């Protein structure tokens, strides 16, 4: 399928920026899917995922949550994020959560690279994760733009799908935004208990068996959703790690990714009519 893909600015005074993809030869209105980034931002992988949903017949949009007024701060520039991603991928998995191991590896690097990596890591895993509610507000602005302004998606149903940090935001958005008709979580943290009662759409979740920090909390989330009378289906893939859907990382699991994507498309096809 031929696609039309572009970066757009939207919102009051165009303060937001997003990557958008849609079928090129389309003269109809379309349902929309908000693709919510991993902590790495709207990188090539997230842009590719956005195009996959466009190829399935949706207008798909991936808001750049790091762009303030259309621009990213220095620590979150794409090359800086790719640098910290490559650095972390070069370390044993245990080093991701071990400051001692990370610092030992960083100390072997020359400046300014060492300083830049340390600053970007601190920004991503400190400042960024502290702004989840702020990002939820930006996502609500995105759904309002799709619902009320974009000519292709005006008054059409909207779904959300997010990965890692974006998975948590997909669930949070479902608790805040009545415009969301279906929400998909890929290995994201569950929303806080007080948010569950506000979820107004069906939710679908995908998790890796070996991603204990997140997956071990899923049964409690499922029980809370059931008690609140909410629709929640989830799948845990055997021997799959965190980020099993990301085909640019060593954790990629094609069997789990293939099944999860097929189920996601079926879910959206059912809910976004």
C-alpha atoms as a PDB file:
ATOM      1  CA  UNK A   1       0.000   0.000   0.000  1.00  0.00           C
ATOM      2  CA  UNK A   2       1.173   3.505  -0.819  1.00  0.00           C
ATOM      3  CA  UNK A   3       1.270   5.705   2.257  1.00  0.00           C
ATOM      4  CA  UNK A   4       1.376   9.402   2.912  1.00  0.00           C
ATOM      5  CA  UNK A   5       3.671  10.034   5.892  1.00  0.00           C
ATOM      6  CA  UNK A   6       4.787  13.356   7.340  1.00  0.00           C
ATOM      7  CA  UNK A   7       5.671  15.269  10.479  1.00  0.00           C
ATOM      8  CA  UNK A   8       2.939  17.691  11.509  1.00  0.00           C
ATOM      9  CA  UNK A   9       2.505  20.470  14.061  1.00  0.00           C
ATOM     10  CA  UNK A  10      -0.822  20.897  15.840  1.00  0.00           C
ATOM     11  CA  UNK A  11      -2.460  22.279  18.964  1.00  0.00           C
ATOM     12  CA  UNK A  12      -2.633  25.856  20.180  1.00  0.00           C
ATOM     13  CA  UNK A  13       0.142  27.807  18.437  1.00  0.00           C
ATOM     14  CA  UNK A  14       1.314  24.481  16.976  1.00  0.00           C
ATOM     15  CA  UNK A  15       3.059  23.572  20.230  1.00  0.00           C
ATOM     16  CA  UNK A  16       2.847  19.819  19.557  1.00  0.00           C
ATOM     17  CA  UNK A  17       4.633  17.713  16.957  1.00  0.00           C
ATOM     18  CA  UNK A  18       3.823  14.229  15.678  1.00  0.00           C
ATOM     19  CA  UNK A  19       4.630  11.697  12.981  1.00  0.00           C
ATOM     20  CA  UNK A  20       1.483  10.898  10.955  1.00  0.00           C
ATOM     21  CA  UNK A  21       0.818   8.177   8.378  1.00  0.00           C
ATOM     22  CA  UNK A  22      -2.281   7.319   6.369  1.00  0.00           C
ATOM     23  CA  UNK A  23      -3.229   5.487   3.149  1.00  0.00           C
ATOM     24  CA  UNK A  24      -2.292   7.740   0.253  1.00  0.00           C
ATOM     25  CA  UNK A  25      -5.148   6.851  -2.078  1.00  0.00           C
ATOM     26  CA  UNK A  26      -8.003   7.408   0.330  1.00  0.00           C
ATOM     27  CA  UNK A  27     -11.040   9.637  -0.070  1.00  0.00           C
ATOM     28  CA  UNK A  28     -12.925   8.448   3.033  1.00  0.00           C
ATOM     29  CA  UNK A  29     -12.884   9.332   6.693  1.00  0.00           C
ATOM     30  CA  UNK A  30     -10.908   6.841   8.767  1.00  0.00           C
ATOM     31  CA  UNK A  31     -10.715   5.738  12.382  1.00  0.00           C
ATOM     32  CA  UNK A  32      -7.526   6.889  14.099  1.00  0.00           C
ATOM     33  CA  UNK A  33      -4.882   5.175  16.186  1.00  0.00           C
ATOM     34  CA  UNK A  34      -2.602   7.090  18.532  1.00  0.00           C
ATOM     35  CA  UNK A  35       0.739   5.271  18.687  1.00  0.00           C
ATOM     36  CA  UNK A  36       2.476   6.097  21.966  1.00  0.00           C
ATOM     37  CA  UNK A  37       6.255   5.938  22.029  1.00  0.00           C
ATOM     38  CA  UNK A  38       8.635   3.957  24.149  1.00  0.00           C
ATOM     39  CA  UNK A  39      10.951   5.971  26.356  1.00  0.00           C
ATOM     40  CA  UNK A  40      13.259   6.272  23.309  1.00  0.00           C
ATOM     41  CA  UNK A  41      10.862   8.684  21.617  1.00  0.00           C
ATOM     42  CA  UNK A  42       9.377   8.613  18.124  1.00  0.00           C
ATOM     43  CA  UNK A  43      12.395   6.845  16.656  1.00  0.00           C
ATOM     44  CA  UNK A  44      12.595   4.828  13.437  1.00  0.00           C
ATOM     45  CA  UNK A  45      10.937   1.845  15.106  1.00  0.00           C
ATOM     46  CA  UNK A  46       7.907   3.825  16.316  1.00  0.00           C
ATOM     47  CA  UNK A  47       7.628   5.510  12.922  1.00  0.00           C
ATOM     48  CA  UNK A  48       7.654   2.054  11.312  1.00  0.00           C
ATOM     49  CA  UNK A  49       4.939   0.813  13.698  1.00  0.00           C
ATOM     50  CA  UNK A  50       2.861   3.904  12.867  1.00  0.00           C
ATOM     51  CA  UNK A  51       3.148   3.053   9.174  1.00  0.00           C
ATOM     52  CA  UNK A  52       2.041  -0.532   9.866  1.00  0.00           C
ATOM     53  CA  UNK A  53      -1.240   0.727  11.294  1.00  0.00           C
ATOM     54  CA  UNK A  54      -1.676   3.055   8.325  1.00  0.00           C
ATOM     55  CA  UNK A  55      -1.156   0.080   6.031  1.00  0.00           C
ATOM     56  CA  UNK A  56      -3.994  -1.636   7.901  1.00  0.00           C
ATOM     57  CA  UNK A  57      -6.355   1.176   6.888  1.00  0.00           C
ATOM     58  CA  UNK A  58      -6.110   3.682   9.740  1.00  0.00           C
ATOM     59  CA  UNK A  59      -4.798   7.171  10.134  1.00  0.00           C
ATOM     60  CA  UNK A  60      -2.027   6.632  12.677  1.00  0.00           C
ATOM     61  CA  UNK A  61      -0.267   9.355  14.612  1.00  0.00           C
ATOM     62  CA  UNK A  62       2.708   9.156  16.974  1.00  0.00           C
ATOM     63  CA  UNK A  63       3.042  12.298  19.116  1.00  0.00           C
ATOM     64  CA  UNK A  64       6.608  13.296  19.939  1.00  0.00           C
ATOM     65  CA  UNK A  65       6.193  13.657  23.686  1.00  0.00           C
ATOM     66  CA  UNK A  66       9.664  15.172  24.036  1.00  0.00           C
ATOM     67  CA  UNK A  67       9.067  18.109  21.687  1.00  0.00           C
ATOM     68  CA  UNK A  68       8.116  21.275  23.550  1.00  0.00           C
ATOM     69  CA  UNK A  69       6.957  23.937  21.123  1.00  0.00           C
ATOM     70  CA  UNK A  70       8.130  21.661  18.323  1.00  0.00           C
ATOM     71  CA  UNK A  71      11.706  21.358  19.636  1.00  0.00           C
ATOM     72  CA  UNK A  72      13.464  18.812  21.848  1.00  0.00           C
ATOM     73  CA  UNK A  73      15.969  19.751  24.573  1.00  0.00           C
ATOM     74  CA  UNK A  74      19.592  18.873  23.842  1.00  0.00           C
ATOM     75  CA  UNK A  75      19.622  15.802  26.105  1.00  0.00           C
ATOM     76  CA  UNK A  76      16.690  14.284  24.197  1.00  0.00           C
ATOM     77  CA  UNK A  77      17.865  14.907  20.647  1.00  0.00           C
ATOM     78  CA  UNK A  78      17.556  11.728  18.529  1.00  0.00           C
ATOM     79  CA  UNK A  79      21.319  11.201  18.229  1.00  0.00           C
ATOM     80  CA  UNK A  80      21.736  11.509  21.995  1.00  0.00           C
ATOM     81  CA  UNK A  81      18.962   8.964  22.631  1.00  0.00           C
ATOM     82  CA  UNK A  82      20.419   6.559  20.054  1.00  0.00           C
ATOM     83  CA  UNK A  83      23.737   6.915  21.864  1.00  0.00           C
ATOM     84  CA  UNK A  84      22.370   5.934  25.275  1.00  0.00           C
ATOM     85  CA  UNK A  85      20.327   3.130  23.714  1.00  0.00           C
ATOM     86  CA  UNK A  86      23.447   1.690  22.037  1.00  0.00           C
ATOM     87  CA  UNK A  87      25.404   2.059  25.280  1.00  0.00           C
ATOM     88  CA  UNK A  88      22.791   0.197  27.323  1.00  0.00           C
ATOM     89  CA  UNK A  89      22.401  -2.527  24.699  1.00  0.00           C
ATOM     90  CA  UNK A  90      26.157  -3.143  24.962  1.00  0.00           C
ATOM     91  CA  UNK A  91      25.858  -3.958  28.677  1.00  0.00           C
ATOM     92  CA  UNK A  92      24.558  -7.104  30.397  1.00  0.00           C
ATOM     93  CA  UNK A  93      20.814  -6.885  31.162  1.00  0.00           C
ATOM     94  CA  UNK A  94      21.579  -6.596  34.881  1.00  0.00           C
ATOM     95  CA  UNK A  95      23.341  -3.284  34.283  1.00  0.00           C
ATOM     96  CA  UNK A  96      20.132  -1.536  33.225  1.00  0.00           C
ATOM     97  CA  UNK A  97      19.034  -1.411  36.852  1.00  0.00           C
ATOM     98  CA  UNK A  98      22.474  -1.232  38.445  1.00  0.00           C
ATOM     99  CA  UNK A  99      23.942   2.247  38.838  1.00  0.00           C
ATOM    100  CA  UNK A 100      27.251   0.726  39.919  1.00  0.00           C
ATOM    101  CA  UNK A 101      27.631  -1.324  36.725  1.00  0.00           C
ATOM    102  CA  UNK A 102      26.530   1.561  34.496  1.00  0.00           C
ATOM    103  CA  UNK A 103      28.939   3.981  36.145  1.00  0.00           C
ATOM    104  CA  UNK A 104      31.814   1.523  35.811  1.00  0.00           C
ATOM    105  CA  UNK A 105      31.151   1.245  32.066  1.00  0.00           C
ATOM    106  CA  UNK A 106      30.673   5.004  31.658  1.00  0.00           C
ATOM    107  CA  UNK A 107      33.951   5.745  33.449  1.00  0.00           C
ATOM    108  CA  UNK A 108      35.834   3.966  30.655  1.00  0.00           C
ATOM    109  CA  UNK A 109      34.493   6.391  28.033  1.00  0.00           C
ATOM    110  CA  UNK A 110      36.098   9.718  27.087  1.00  0.00           C
ATOM    111  CA  UNK A 111      34.440  13.092  27.495  1.00  0.00           C
ATOM    112  CA  UNK A 112      32.268  14.680  26.202  1.00  0.00           C
ATOM    113  CA  UNK A 113      30.613  11.339  25.334  1.00  0.00           C
ATOM    114  CA  UNK A 114      30.639  10.182  28.956  1.00  0.00           C
ATOM    115  CA  UNK A 115      28.995  13.377  30.200  1.00  0.00           C
ATOM    116  CA  UNK A 116      26.397  13.396  27.412  1.00  0.00           C
ATOM    117  CA  UNK A 117      25.417   9.774  28.021  1.00  0.00           C
ATOM    118  CA  UNK A 118      25.079  10.379  31.742  1.00  0.00           C
ATOM    119  CA  UNK A 119      22.927  13.485  31.163  1.00  0.00           C
ATOM    120  CA  UNK A 120      20.650  11.752  28.671  1.00  0.00           C
ATOM    121  CA  UNK A 121      20.228   8.713  30.931  1.00  0.00           C
ATOM    122  CA  UNK A 122      19.337  10.962  33.875  1.00  0.00           C
ATOM    123  CA  UNK A 123      16.862  12.905  31.752  1.00  0.00           C
ATOM    124  CA  UNK A 124      15.183   9.832  30.275  1.00  0.00           C
ATOM    125  CA  UNK A 125      14.884   7.737  33.407  1.00  0.00           C
ATOM    126  CA  UNK A 126      14.373  10.612  35.829  1.00  0.00           C
ATOM    127  CA  UNK A 127      12.782  13.726  34.367  1.00  0.00           C
ATOM    128  CA  UNK A 128      10.795  11.951  31.646  1.00  0.00           C
ATOM    129  CA  UNK A 129       9.235   9.326  33.898  1.00  0.00           C
ATOM    130  CA  UNK A 130       8.257  12.067  36.349  1.00  0.00           C
ATOM    131  CA  UNK A 131       6.150  13.769  33.648  1.00  0.00           C
ATOM    132  CA  UNK A 132       3.678  10.972  32.887  1.00  0.00           C
ATOM    133  CA  UNK A 133       0.627  13.063  33.766  1.00  0.00           C
ATOM    134  CA  UNK A 134       1.937  15.915  31.619  1.00  0.00           C
ATOM    135  CA  UNK A 135       2.288  13.575  28.668  1.00  0.00           C
ATOM    136  CA  UNK A 136      -1.237  12.257  29.230  1.00  0.00           C
ATOM    137  CA  UNK A 137      -2.469  15.815  28.779  1.00  0.00           C
ATOM    138  CA  UNK A 138      -0.623  16.091  25.471  1.00  0.00           C
ATOM    139  CA  UNK A 139      -2.187  12.824  24.331  1.00  0.00           C
ATOM    140  CA  UNK A 140      -5.642  14.148  25.201  1.00  0.00           C
ATOM    141  CA  UNK A 141      -4.905  17.199  23.069  1.00  0.00           C
ATOM    142  CA  UNK A 142      -3.974  14.794  20.269  1.00  0.00           C
ATOM    143  CA  UNK A 143      -7.267  12.937  20.464  1.00  0.00           C
ATOM    144  CA  UNK A 144      -9.172  16.243  20.471  1.00  0.00           C
ATOM    145  CA  UNK A 145      -7.261  17.289  17.346  1.00  0.00           C
ATOM    146  CA  UNK A 146      -8.186  14.008  15.646  1.00  0.00           C
ATOM    147  CA  UNK A 147     -11.790  14.111  16.777  1.00  0.00           C
ATOM    148  CA  UNK A 148     -12.541  17.765  16.053  1.00  0.00           C
ATOM    149  CA  UNK A 149     -10.076  19.096  13.502  1.00  0.00           C
ATOM    150  CA  UNK A 150      -8.383  16.600  11.217  1.00  0.00           C
ATOM    151  CA  UNK A 151     -10.508  16.187   8.092  1.00  0.00           C
ATOM    152  CA  UNK A 152      -9.743  12.462   7.722  1.00  0.00           C
ATOM    153  CA  UNK A 153     -10.616  11.476  11.316  1.00  0.00           C
ATOM    154  CA  UNK A 154     -13.217  14.046  12.325  1.00  0.00           C
ATOM    155  CA  UNK A 155     -15.922  12.384  14.478  1.00  0.00           C
ATOM    156  CA  UNK A 156     -14.376   8.959  13.897  1.00  0.00           C
ATOM    157  CA  UNK A 157     -13.496   6.470  16.674  1.00  0.00           C
ATOM    158  CA  UNK A 158      -9.999   6.605  18.137  1.00  0.00           C
ATOM    159  CA  UNK A 159      -7.806   3.870  19.593  1.00  0.00           C
ATOM    160  CA  UNK A 160      -4.510   4.035  21.437  1.00  0.00           C
ATOM    161  CA  UNK A 161      -1.581   1.636  21.535  1.00  0.00           C
ATOM    162  CA  UNK A 162       1.586   2.151  23.536  1.00  0.00           C
ATOM    163  CA  UNK A 163       4.847   0.403  24.265  1.00  0.00           C
ATOM    164  CA  UNK A 164       6.670   0.306  27.620  1.00  0.00           C
ATOM    165  CA  UNK A 165       6.249   3.883  28.927  1.00  0.00           C
ATOM    166  CA  UNK A 166       3.716   4.332  26.134  1.00  0.00           C
ATOM    167  CA  UNK A 167       1.833   1.243  27.294  1.00  0.00           C
ATOM    168  CA  UNK A 168       1.365   2.814  30.701  1.00  0.00           C
ATOM    169  CA  UNK A 169       0.225   6.005  28.981  1.00  0.00           C
ATOM    170  CA  UNK A 170      -2.253   4.103  26.805  1.00  0.00           C
ATOM    171  CA  UNK A 171      -3.965   2.796  29.934  1.00  0.00           C
ATOM    172  CA  UNK A 172      -3.793   6.186  31.627  1.00  0.00           C
ATOM    173  CA  UNK A 173      -5.271   7.881  28.566  1.00  0.00           C
ATOM    174  CA  UNK A 174      -8.160   5.412  28.596  1.00  0.00           C
ATOM    175  CA  UNK A 175      -8.942   6.543  32.143  1.00  0.00           C
ATOM    176  CA  UNK A 176      -8.908  10.233  31.254  1.00  0.00           C
ATOM    177  CA  UNK A 177     -10.264  10.580  27.724  1.00  0.00           C
ATOM    178  CA  UNK A 178     -13.808   9.568  26.693  1.00  0.00           C
ATOM    179  CA  UNK A 179     -12.767   9.896  23.034  1.00  0.00           C
ATOM    180  CA  UNK A 180     -10.688   6.703  23.318  1.00  0.00           C
ATOM    181  CA  UNK A 181     -12.733   3.713  22.146  1.00  0.00           C
ATOM    182  CA  UNK A 182     -10.071   1.007  22.606  1.00  0.00           C
ATOM    183  CA  UNK A 183      -6.693   0.885  24.345  1.00  0.00           C
ATOM    184  CA  UNK A 184      -3.798  -1.538  23.892  1.00  0.00           C
ATOM    185  CA  UNK A 185      -0.919  -1.930  26.360  1.00  0.00           C
ATOM    186  CA  UNK A 186       2.377  -3.498  25.331  1.00  0.00           C
ATOM    187  CA  UNK A 187       4.354  -4.290  28.516  1.00  0.00           C
ATOM    188  CA  UNK A 188       3.399  -1.081  30.291  1.00  0.00           C
ATOM    189  CA  UNK A 189       2.701  -0.504  33.969  1.00  0.00           C
ATOM    190  CA  UNK A 190      -0.927  -0.675  35.069  1.00  0.00           C
ATOM    191  CA  UNK A 191      -2.651   2.589  36.013  1.00  0.00           C
ATOM    192  CA  UNK A 192      -3.067   3.489  39.647  1.00  0.00           C
ATOM    193  CA  UNK A 193      -6.062   1.809  41.342  1.00  0.00           C
ATOM    194  CA  UNK A 194      -7.993   5.084  41.559  1.00  0.00           C
ATOM    195  CA  UNK A 195      -7.782   5.498  37.767  1.00  0.00           C
ATOM    196  CA  UNK A 196      -9.286   2.110  36.936  1.00  0.00           C
ATOM    197  CA  UNK A 197     -12.866   3.139  37.728  1.00  0.00           C
ATOM    198  CA  UNK A 198     -12.572   5.908  35.114  1.00  0.00           C
ATOM    199  CA  UNK A 199     -11.593   3.637  32.215  1.00  0.00           C
ATOM    200  CA  UNK A 200     -14.414   3.815  29.671  1.00  0.00           C
ATOM    201  CA  UNK A 201     -13.257   1.470  26.891  1.00  0.00           C
ATOM    202  CA  UNK A 202     -12.082  -2.128  26.394  1.00  0.00           C
ATOM    203  CA  UNK A 203      -8.392  -2.693  27.141  1.00  0.00           C
ATOM    204  CA  UNK A 204      -6.075  -5.340  25.679  1.00  0.00           C
ATOM    205  CA  UNK A 205      -2.637  -6.109  27.108  1.00  0.00           C
ATOM    206  CA  UNK A 206       0.474  -8.014  25.996  1.00  0.00           C
ATOM    207  CA  UNK A 207       3.339  -9.001  28.287  1.00  0.00           C
ATOM    208  CA  UNK A 208       6.509 -11.082  28.370  1.00  0.00           C
ATOM    209  CA  UNK A 209       6.855 -13.943  30.829  1.00  0.00           C
ATOM    210  CA  UNK A 210      10.430 -12.945  31.655  1.00  0.00           C
ATOM    211  CA  UNK A 211       9.546  -9.278  32.235  1.00  0.00           C
ATOM    212  CA  UNK A 212       8.842  -9.944  35.894  1.00  0.00           C
ATOM    213  CA  UNK A 213       8.778  -6.351  37.134  1.00  0.00           C
ATOM    214  CA  UNK A 214       5.760  -5.556  34.966  1.00  0.00           C
ATOM    215  CA  UNK A 215       4.156  -8.928  34.268  1.00  0.00           C
ATOM    216  CA  UNK A 216       3.935  -9.998  37.908  1.00  0.00           C
ATOM    217  CA  UNK A 217       1.555  -7.073  38.540  1.00  0.00           C
ATOM    218  CA  UNK A 218      -0.828  -8.005  35.716  1.00  0.00           C
ATOM    219  CA  UNK A 219      -3.068 -10.480  37.643  1.00  0.00           C
ATOM    220  CA  UNK A 220      -3.840  -7.822  40.255  1.00  0.00           C
ATOM    221  CA  UNK A 221      -4.639  -5.329  37.485  1.00  0.00           C
ATOM    222  CA  UNK A 222      -6.932  -7.897  35.853  1.00  0.00           C
ATOM    223  CA  UNK A 223      -8.711  -8.553  39.154  1.00  0.00           C
ATOM    224  CA  UNK A 224      -9.191  -4.830  39.762  1.00  0.00           C
ATOM    225  CA  UNK A 225     -10.561  -4.343  36.240  1.00  0.00           C
ATOM    226  CA  UNK A 226     -12.987  -7.229  36.712  1.00  0.00           C
ATOM    227  CA  UNK A 227     -14.146  -5.917  40.077  1.00  0.00           C
ATOM    228  CA  UNK A 228     -14.762  -2.498  38.500  1.00  0.00           C
ATOM    229  CA  UNK A 229     -16.784  -4.081  35.676  1.00  0.00           C
ATOM    230  CA  UNK A 230     -14.228  -3.161  32.993  1.00  0.00           C
ATOM    231  CA  UNK A 231     -13.295  -5.112  29.861  1.00  0.00           C
ATOM    232  CA  UNK A 232      -9.680  -6.320  30.008  1.00  0.00           C
ATOM    233  CA  UNK A 233      -8.039  -9.193  28.139  1.00  0.00           C
ATOM    234  CA  UNK A 234      -4.352  -9.956  28.396  1.00  0.00           C
ATOM    235  CA  UNK A 235      -1.777 -12.371  27.029  1.00  0.00           C
ATOM    236  CA  UNK A 236       1.567 -13.370  28.557  1.00  0.00           C
ATOM    237  CA  UNK A 237       4.049 -14.832  26.071  1.00  0.00           C
ATOM    238  CA  UNK A 238       6.314 -17.654  27.307  1.00  0.00           C
ATOM    239  CA  UNK A 239      10.055 -16.947  27.278  1.00  0.00           C
ATOM    240  CA  UNK A 240       9.454 -13.389  26.042  1.00  0.00           C
ATOM    241  CA  UNK A 241      11.326 -10.437  27.522  1.00  0.00           C
ATOM    242  CA  UNK A 242      10.369  -6.802  27.917  1.00  0.00           C
ATOM    243  CA  UNK A 243      10.178  -5.024  24.535  1.00  0.00           C
ATOM    244  CA  UNK A 244       9.549  -8.287  22.684  1.00  0.00           C
ATOM    245  CA  UNK A 245       7.742  -6.320  19.939  1.00  0.00           C
ATOM    246  CA  UNK A 246      10.693  -4.042  19.162  1.00  0.00           C
ATOM    247  CA  UNK A 247      12.488  -5.585  16.188  1.00  0.00           C
ATOM    248  CA  UNK A 248      15.497  -3.275  16.609  1.00  0.00           C
ATOM    249  CA  UNK A 249      16.461  -4.755  19.979  1.00  0.00           C
ATOM    250  CA  UNK A 250      17.979  -8.020  21.178  1.00  0.00           C
ATOM    251  CA  UNK A 251      14.772  -8.718  23.137  1.00  0.00           C
ATOM    252  CA  UNK A 252      12.715  -9.032  19.913  1.00  0.00           C
ATOM    253  CA  UNK A 253      10.600 -12.206  19.850  1.00  0.00           C
ATOM    254  CA  UNK A 254       9.051 -12.678  16.388  1.00  0.00           C
ATOM    255  CA  UNK A 255       6.552 -15.337  17.489  1.00  0.00           C
ATOM    256  CA  UNK A 256       5.163 -13.189  20.304  1.00  0.00           C
ATOM    257  CA  UNK A 257       5.298 -10.021  18.199  1.00  0.00           C
ATOM    258  CA  UNK A 258       3.448 -11.612  15.287  1.00  0.00           C
ATOM    259  CA  UNK A 259       0.657 -12.956  17.483  1.00  0.00           C
ATOM    260  CA  UNK A 260       0.300  -9.706  19.449  1.00  0.00           C
ATOM    261  CA  UNK A 261       0.099  -7.584  16.301  1.00  0.00           C
ATOM    262  CA  UNK A 262      -2.546  -9.858  14.758  1.00  0.00           C
ATOM    263  CA  UNK A 263      -4.605  -9.690  17.955  1.00  0.00           C
ATOM    264  CA  UNK A 264      -4.193  -5.904  18.105  1.00  0.00           C
ATOM    265  CA  UNK A 265      -5.476  -5.473  14.557  1.00  0.00           C
ATOM    266  CA  UNK A 266      -8.457  -7.735  15.293  1.00  0.00           C
ATOM    267  CA  UNK A 267      -9.209  -5.800  18.477  1.00  0.00           C
ATOM    268  CA  UNK A 268      -9.130  -2.437  16.714  1.00  0.00           C
ATOM    269  CA  UNK A 269     -11.191  -3.785  13.821  1.00  0.00           C
ATOM    270  CA  UNK A 270     -13.868  -4.836  16.277  1.00  0.00           C
ATOM    271  CA  UNK A 271     -13.828  -1.759  18.509  1.00  0.00           C
ATOM    272  CA  UNK A 272     -13.203   1.099  16.070  1.00  0.00           C
ATOM    273  CA  UNK A 273     -16.217   0.617  13.837  1.00  0.00           C
END
